Amino acid sequence: MTESGDNVDRELFRNIEKLRQLRIEHRDLDEVIARLTMDIHVNELQLKRLKKRKLVLKDQIMHLESQLIPDLNA
């Protein structure tokens, strides 16, 4: 295999691994947010920050997924 092919494989592997980590963090945040919303003494600011972080993660996941899907027009 060529060196550029190896680089592409490594980059693909890094992107897939990053996507896996982002999905795990997103799922974990979802569980934390669900638990916090059941607490009547929840810190609203903390909850807002967690929800914002979750949205940022979702955007990053969508961006990485779009990079991994081949362009159908190519």
PDB file of N, CA and C in Angstrom:
ATOM      1  N   MET A   1       0.853  -1.181   0.000  1.00  0.00           N
ATOM      2  CA  MET A   1       0.000   0.000   0.000  1.00  0.00           C
ATOM      3  C   MET A   1       0.896   1.239   0.000  1.00  0.00           C
ATOM      4  N   THR A   2       0.439   2.282  -0.652  1.00  0.00           N
ATOM      5  CA  THR A   2       1.232   3.498  -0.736  1.00  0.00           C
ATOM      6  C   THR A   2       1.175   4.270   0.562  1.00  0.00           C
ATOM      7  N   GLU A   3       2.141   5.188   0.685  1.00  0.00           N
ATOM      8  CA  GLU A   3       2.177   6.017   1.896  1.00  0.00           C
ATOM      9  C   GLU A   3       0.940   6.887   2.010  1.00  0.00           C
ATOM     10  N   SER A   4       0.472   7.443   0.891  1.00  0.00           N
ATOM     11  CA  SER A   4      -0.729   8.281   0.950  1.00  0.00           C
ATOM     12  C   SER A   4      -1.952   7.449   1.317  1.00  0.00           C
ATOM     13  N   GLY A   5      -1.987   6.203   0.893  1.00  0.00           N
ATOM     14  CA  GLY A   5      -3.077   5.309   1.278  1.00  0.00           C
ATOM     15  C   GLY A   5      -3.066   5.032   2.760  1.00  0.00           C
ATOM     16  N   ASP A   6      -1.869   4.865   3.320  1.00  0.00           N
ATOM     17  CA  ASP A   6      -1.738   4.660   4.765  1.00  0.00           C
ATOM     18  C   ASP A   6      -2.223   5.885   5.531  1.00  0.00           C
ATOM     19  N   ASN A   7      -1.873   7.067   5.027  1.00  0.00           N
ATOM     20  CA  ASN A   7      -2.302   8.309   5.675  1.00  0.00           C
ATOM     21  C   ASN A   7      -3.816   8.445   5.657  1.00  0.00           C
ATOM     22  N   VAL A   8      -4.421   8.073   4.530  1.00  0.00           N
ATOM     23  CA  VAL A   8      -5.879   8.137   4.415  1.00  0.00           C
ATOM     24  C   VAL A   8      -6.517   7.161   5.400  1.00  0.00           C
ATOM     25  N   ASP A   9      -5.956   5.943   5.495  1.00  0.00           N
ATOM     26  CA  ASP A   9      -6.479   4.950   6.434  1.00  0.00           C
ATOM     27  C   ASP A   9      -6.366   5.435   7.872  1.00  0.00           C
ATOM     28  N   ARG A  10      -5.226   6.032   8.218  1.00  0.00           N
ATOM     29  CA  ARG A  10      -5.044   6.543   9.580  1.00  0.00           C
ATOM     30  C   ARG A  10      -6.014   7.669   9.879  1.00  0.00           C
ATOM     31  N   GLU A  11      -6.198   8.549   8.917  1.00  0.00           N
ATOM     32  CA  GLU A  11      -7.131   9.667   9.090  1.00  0.00           C
ATOM     33  C   GLU A  11      -8.561   9.146   9.247  1.00  0.00           C
ATOM     34  N   LEU A  12      -8.932   8.178   8.444  1.00  0.00           N
ATOM     35  CA  LEU A  12     -10.259   7.576   8.538  1.00  0.00           C
ATOM     36  C   LEU A  12     -10.449   6.932   9.909  1.00  0.00           C
ATOM     37  N   PHE A  13      -9.454   6.189  10.358  1.00  0.00           N
ATOM     38  CA  PHE A  13      -9.530   5.549  11.671  1.00  0.00           C
ATOM     39  C   PHE A  13      -9.668   6.593  12.778  1.00  0.00           C
ATOM     40  N   ARG A  14      -8.892   7.685  12.693  1.00  0.00           N
ATOM     41  CA  ARG A  14      -8.982   8.750  13.707  1.00  0.00           C
ATOM     42  C   ARG A  14     -10.375   9.369  13.723  1.00  0.00           C
ATOM     43  N   ASN A  15     -10.932   9.606  12.534  1.00  0.00           N
ATOM     44  CA  ASN A  15     -12.267  10.200  12.455  1.00  0.00           C
ATOM     45  C   ASN A  15     -13.334   9.263  13.014  1.00  0.00           C
ATOM     46  N   ILE A  16     -13.218   7.981  12.714  1.00  0.00           N
ATOM     47  CA  ILE A  16     -14.181   7.006  13.241  1.00  0.00           C
ATOM     48  C   ILE A  16     -14.070   6.917  14.752  1.00  0.00           C
ATOM     49  N   GLU A  17     -12.852   6.913  15.272  1.00  0.00           N
ATOM     50  CA  GLU A  17     -12.639   6.851  16.720  1.00  0.00           C
ATOM     51  C   GLU A  17     -13.168   8.119  17.389  1.00  0.00           C
ATOM     52  N   LYS A  18     -12.921   9.267  16.789  1.00  0.00           N
ATOM     53  CA  LYS A  18     -13.415  10.538  17.338  1.00  0.00           C
ATOM     54  C   LYS A  18     -14.945  10.535  17.348  1.00  0.00           C
ATOM     55  N   LEU A  19     -15.543  10.041  16.281  1.00  0.00           N
ATOM     56  CA  LEU A  19     -16.995   9.960  16.189  1.00  0.00           C
ATOM     57  C   LEU A  19     -17.551   9.055  17.290  1.00  0.00           C
ATOM     58  N   ARG A  20     -16.897   7.939  17.530  1.00  0.00           N
ATOM     59  CA  ARG A  20     -17.325   7.023  18.594  1.00  0.00           C
ATOM     60  C   ARG A  20     -17.267   7.704  19.958  1.00  0.00           C
ATOM     61  N   GLN A  21     -16.177   8.434  20.207  1.00  0.00           N
ATOM     62  CA  GLN A  21     -16.027   9.136  21.489  1.00  0.00           C
ATOM     63  C   GLN A  21     -17.084  10.230  21.653  1.00  0.00           C
ATOM     64  N   LEU A  22     -17.359  10.958  20.593  1.00  0.00           N
ATOM     65  CA  LEU A  22     -18.369  12.015  20.652  1.00  0.00           C
ATOM     66  C   LEU A  22     -19.755  11.440  20.924  1.00  0.00           C
ATOM     67  N   ARG A  23     -20.065  10.314  20.289  1.00  0.00           N
ATOM     68  CA  ARG A  23     -21.369   9.677  20.511  1.00  0.00           C
ATOM     69  C   ARG A  23     -21.516   9.197  21.953  1.00  0.00           C
ATOM     70  N   ILE A  24     -20.449   8.654  22.513  1.00  0.00           N
ATOM     71  CA  ILE A  24     -20.473   8.203  23.906  1.00  0.00           C
ATOM     72  C   ILE A  24     -20.692   9.389  24.832  1.00  0.00           C
ATOM     73  N   GLU A  25     -19.940  10.469  24.607  1.00  0.00           N
ATOM     74  CA  GLU A  25     -20.097  11.656  25.456  1.00  0.00           C
ATOM     75  C   GLU A  25     -21.505  12.234  25.328  1.00  0.00           C
ATOM     76  N   HIS A  26     -22.048  12.259  24.109  1.00  0.00           N
ATOM     77  CA  HIS A  26     -23.396  12.767  23.871  1.00  0.00           C
ATOM     78  C   HIS A  26     -24.422  11.923  24.622  1.00  0.00           C
ATOM     79  N   ARG A  27     -24.286  10.609  24.558  1.00  0.00           N
ATOM     80  CA  ARG A  27     -25.206   9.706  25.262  1.00  0.00           C
ATOM     81  C   ARG A  27     -25.108   9.894  26.773  1.00  0.00           C
ATOM     82  N   ASP A  28     -23.866  10.008  27.265  1.00  0.00           N
ATOM     83  CA  ASP A  28     -23.667  10.211  28.703  1.00  0.00           C
ATOM     84  C   ASP A  28     -24.293  11.523  29.169  1.00  0.00           C
ATOM     85  N   LEU A  29     -24.107  12.568  28.386  1.00  0.00           N
ATOM     86  CA  LEU A  29     -24.714  13.863  28.732  1.00  0.00           C
ATOM     87  C   LEU A  29     -26.235  13.767  28.740  1.00  0.00           C
ATOM     88  N   ASP A  30     -26.783  13.032  27.797  1.00  0.00           N
ATOM     89  CA  ASP A  30     -28.230  12.846  27.732  1.00  0.00           C
ATOM     90  C   ASP A  30     -28.743  12.210  29.022  1.00  0.00           C
ATOM     91  N   GLU A  31     -28.011  11.213  29.521  1.00  0.00           N
ATOM     92  CA  GLU A  31     -28.408  10.544  30.764  1.00  0.00           C
ATOM     93  C   GLU A  31     -28.293  11.494  31.962  1.00  0.00           C
ATOM     94  N   VAL A  32     -27.224  12.282  32.021  1.00  0.00           N
ATOM     95  CA  VAL A  32     -27.036  13.232  33.119  1.00  0.00           C
ATOM     96  C   VAL A  32     -28.147  14.281  33.094  1.00  0.00           C
ATOM     97  N   ILE A  33     -28.450  14.799  31.921  1.00  0.00           N
ATOM     98  CA  ILE A  33     -29.498  15.818  31.785  1.00  0.00           C
ATOM     99  C   ILE A  33     -30.848  15.241  32.216  1.00  0.00           C
ATOM    100  N   ALA A  34     -31.133  14.018  31.813  1.00  0.00           N
ATOM    101  CA  ALA A  34     -32.403  13.385  32.194  1.00  0.00           C
ATOM    102  C   ALA A  34     -32.507  13.251  33.713  1.00  0.00           C
ATOM    103  N   ARG A  35     -31.409  12.866  34.363  1.00  0.00           N
ATOM    104  CA  ARG A  35     -31.427  12.736  35.827  1.00  0.00           C
ATOM    105  C   ARG A  35     -31.597  14.096  36.499  1.00  0.00           C
ATOM    106  N   LEU A  36     -30.891  15.095  35.975  1.00  0.00           N
ATOM    107  CA  LEU A  36     -30.964  16.425  36.581  1.00  0.00           C
ATOM    108  C   LEU A  36     -32.345  17.053  36.444  1.00  0.00           C
ATOM    109  N   THR A  37     -33.023  16.803  35.347  1.00  0.00           N
ATOM    110  CA  THR A  37     -34.340  17.401  35.147  1.00  0.00           C
ATOM    111  C   THR A  37     -35.374  16.823  36.120  1.00  0.00           C
ATOM    112  N   MET A  38     -35.088  15.658  36.692  1.00  0.00           N
ATOM    113  CA  MET A  38     -35.999  15.074  37.687  1.00  0.00           C
ATOM    114  C   MET A  38     -35.755  15.637  39.091  1.00  0.00           C
ATOM    115  N   ASP A  39     -34.639  16.348  39.265  1.00  0.00           N
ATOM    116  CA  ASP A  39     -34.273  16.912  40.567  1.00  0.00           C
ATOM    117  C   ASP A  39     -34.913  18.291  40.727  1.00  0.00           C
ATOM    118  N   ILE A  40     -35.696  18.477  41.780  1.00  0.00           N
ATOM    119  CA  ILE A  40     -36.358  19.772  41.974  1.00  0.00           C
ATOM    120  C   ILE A  40     -35.379  20.863  42.402  1.00  0.00           C
ATOM    121  N   HIS A  41     -34.215  20.477  42.871  1.00  0.00           N
ATOM    122  CA  HIS A  41     -33.207  21.445  43.305  1.00  0.00           C
ATOM    123  C   HIS A  41     -32.094  21.610  42.265  1.00  0.00           C
ATOM    124  N   VAL A  42     -32.432  21.402  41.006  1.00  0.00           N
ATOM    125  CA  VAL A  42     -31.431  21.446  39.949  1.00  0.00           C
ATOM    126  C   VAL A  42     -30.916  22.872  39.751  1.00  0.00           C
ATOM    127  N   ASN A  43     -29.650  22.974  39.467  1.00  0.00           N
ATOM    128  CA  ASN A  43     -29.027  24.247  39.127  1.00  0.00           C
ATOM    129  C   ASN A  43     -29.339  24.522  37.648  1.00  0.00           C
ATOM    130  N   GLU A  44     -30.207  25.483  37.395  1.00  0.00           N
ATOM    131  CA  GLU A  44     -30.656  25.756  36.024  1.00  0.00           C
ATOM    132  C   GLU A  44     -29.509  26.167  35.104  1.00  0.00           C
ATOM    133  N   LEU A  45     -28.555  26.923  35.640  1.00  0.00           N
ATOM    134  CA  LEU A  45     -27.415  27.346  34.830  1.00  0.00           C
ATOM    135  C   LEU A  45     -26.582  26.131  34.411  1.00  0.00           C
ATOM    136  N   GLN A  46     -26.349  25.230  35.339  1.00  0.00           N
ATOM    137  CA  GLN A  46     -25.598  24.015  35.029  1.00  0.00           C
ATOM    138  C   GLN A  46     -26.336  23.190  33.972  1.00  0.00           C
ATOM    139  N   LEU A  47     -27.640  23.081  34.115  1.00  0.00           N
ATOM    140  CA  LEU A  47     -28.444  22.327  33.158  1.00  0.00           C
ATOM    141  C   LEU A  47     -28.370  22.957  31.767  1.00  0.00           C
ATOM    142  N   LYS A  48     -28.445  24.283  31.696  1.00  0.00           N
ATOM    143  CA  LYS A  48     -28.334  24.975  30.402  1.00  0.00           C
ATOM    144  C   LYS A  48     -26.975  24.718  29.758  1.00  0.00           C
ATOM    145  N   ARG A  49     -25.925  24.764  30.565  1.00  0.00           N
ATOM    146  CA  ARG A  49     -24.574  24.521  30.033  1.00  0.00           C
ATOM    147  C   ARG A  49     -24.435  23.098  29.502  1.00  0.00           C
ATOM    148  N   LEU A  50     -25.003  22.148  30.212  1.00  0.00           N
ATOM    149  CA  LEU A  50     -24.947  20.753  29.764  1.00  0.00           C
ATOM    150  C   LEU A  50     -25.715  20.573  28.456  1.00  0.00           C
ATOM    151  N   LYS A  51     -26.865  21.219  28.349  1.00  0.00           N
ATOM    152  CA  LYS A  51     -27.655  21.128  27.122  1.00  0.00           C
ATOM    153  C   LYS A  51     -26.922  21.782  25.953  1.00  0.00           C
ATOM    154  N   LYS A  52     -26.273  22.890  26.221  1.00  0.00           N
ATOM    155  CA  LYS A  52     -25.501  23.566  25.170  1.00  0.00           C
ATOM    156  C   LYS A  52     -24.336  22.681  24.717  1.00  0.00           C
ATOM    157  N   ARG A  53     -23.651  22.061  25.678  1.00  0.00           N
ATOM    158  CA  ARG A  53     -22.552  21.148  25.349  1.00  0.00           C
ATOM    159  C   ARG A  53     -23.056  19.977  24.510  1.00  0.00           C
ATOM    160  N   LYS A  54     -24.231  19.489  24.846  1.00  0.00           N
ATOM    161  CA  LYS A  54     -24.823  18.384  24.101  1.00  0.00           C
ATOM    162  C   LYS A  54     -25.105  18.799  22.653  1.00  0.00           C
ATOM    163  N   LEU A  55     -25.588  20.018  22.463  1.00  0.00           N
ATOM    164  CA  LEU A  55     -25.839  20.517  21.101  1.00  0.00           C
ATOM    165  C   LEU A  55     -24.540  20.674  20.309  1.00  0.00           C
ATOM    166  N   VAL A  56     -23.498  21.144  20.977  1.00  0.00           N
ATOM    167  CA  VAL A  56     -22.189  21.276  20.321  1.00  0.00           C
ATOM    168  C   VAL A  56     -21.690  19.896  19.881  1.00  0.00           C
ATOM    169  N   LEU A  57     -21.847  18.918  20.750  1.00  0.00           N
ATOM    170  CA  LEU A  57     -21.445  17.550  20.416  1.00  0.00           C
ATOM    171  C   LEU A  57     -22.239  17.024  19.217  1.00  0.00           C
ATOM    172  N   LYS A  58     -23.537  17.310  19.210  1.00  0.00           N
ATOM    173  CA  LYS A  58     -24.374  16.866  18.095  1.00  0.00           C
ATOM    174  C   LYS A  58     -23.892  17.472  16.784  1.00  0.00           C
ATOM    175  N   ASP A  59     -23.544  18.757  16.800  1.00  0.00           N
ATOM    176  CA  ASP A  59     -23.018  19.414  15.601  1.00  0.00           C
ATOM    177  C   ASP A  59     -21.701  18.776  15.155  1.00  0.00           C
ATOM    178  N   GLN A  60     -20.826  18.470  16.111  1.00  0.00           N
ATOM    179  CA  GLN A  60     -19.555  17.836  15.776  1.00  0.00           C
ATOM    180  C   GLN A  60     -19.779  16.443  15.193  1.00  0.00           C
ATOM    181  N   ILE A  61     -20.721  15.714  15.753  1.00  0.00           N
ATOM    182  CA  ILE A  61     -21.047  14.374  15.250  1.00  0.00           C
ATOM    183  C   ILE A  61     -21.554  14.467  13.815  1.00  0.00           C
ATOM    184  N   MET A  62     -22.467  15.390  13.575  1.00  0.00           N
ATOM    185  CA  MET A  62     -23.031  15.545  12.229  1.00  0.00           C
ATOM    186  C   MET A  62     -21.950  15.943  11.226  1.00  0.00           C
ATOM    187  N   HIS A  63     -21.033  16.812  11.643  1.00  0.00           N
ATOM    188  CA  HIS A  63     -19.945  17.238  10.763  1.00  0.00           C
ATOM    189  C   HIS A  63     -19.037  16.056  10.410  1.00  0.00           C
ATOM    190  N   LEU A  64     -18.653  15.281  11.415  1.00  0.00           N
ATOM    191  CA  LEU A  64     -17.795  14.121  11.163  1.00  0.00           C
ATOM    192  C   LEU A  64     -18.500  13.081  10.299  1.00  0.00           C
ATOM    193  N   GLU A  65     -19.771  12.846  10.566  1.00  0.00           N
ATOM    194  CA  GLU A  65     -20.530  11.882   9.753  1.00  0.00           C
ATOM    195  C   GLU A  65     -20.578  12.326   8.305  1.00  0.00           C
ATOM    196  N   SER A  66     -20.760  13.614   8.079  1.00  0.00           N
ATOM    197  CA  SER A  66     -20.824  14.105   6.695  1.00  0.00           C
ATOM    198  C   SER A  66     -19.472  13.951   5.989  1.00  0.00           C
ATOM    199  N   GLN A  67     -18.383  14.028   6.744  1.00  0.00           N
ATOM    200  CA  GLN A  67     -17.054  13.814   6.158  1.00  0.00           C
ATOM    201  C   GLN A  67     -16.831  12.351   5.816  1.00  0.00           C
ATOM    202  N   LEU A  68     -17.430  11.456   6.582  1.00  0.00           N
ATOM    203  CA  LEU A  68     -17.217  10.026   6.369  1.00  0.00           C
ATOM    204  C   LEU A  68     -18.090   9.443   5.276  1.00  0.00           C
ATOM    205  N   ILE A  69     -19.181  10.147   4.940  1.00  0.00           N
ATOM    206  CA  ILE A  69     -20.074   9.664   3.883  1.00  0.00           C
ATOM    207  C   ILE A  69     -19.509  10.124   2.538  1.00  0.00           C
ATOM    208  N   PRO A  70     -19.284   9.198   1.613  1.00  0.00           N
ATOM    209  CA  PRO A  70     -18.712   9.591   0.312  1.00  0.00           C
ATOM    210  C   PRO A  70     -19.670  10.492  -0.462  1.00  0.00           C
ATOM    211  N   ASP A  71     -19.085  11.398  -1.220  1.00  0.00           N
ATOM    212  CA  ASP A  71     -19.877  12.313  -2.051  1.00  0.00           C
ATOM    213  C   ASP A  71     -20.468  11.535  -3.210  1.00  0.00           C
ATOM    214  N   LEU A  72     -21.785  11.518  -3.312  1.00  0.00           N
ATOM    215  CA  LEU A  72     -22.451  10.727  -4.351  1.00  0.00           C
ATOM    216  C   LEU A  72     -22.278  11.338  -5.734  1.00  0.00           C
ATOM    217  N   ASN A  73     -21.946  12.626  -5.813  1.00  0.00           N
ATOM    218  CA  ASN A  73     -21.774  13.279  -7.115  1.00  0.00           C
ATOM    219  C   ASN A  73     -20.388  13.070  -7.679  1.00  0.00           C
ATOM    220  N   ALA A  74     -19.490  12.513  -6.911  1.00  0.00           N
ATOM    221  CA  ALA A  74     -18.092  12.350  -7.361  1.00  0.00           C
ATOM    222  C   ALA A  74     -17.968  11.246  -8.370  1.00  0.00           C
TER     223      ALA A  74
END
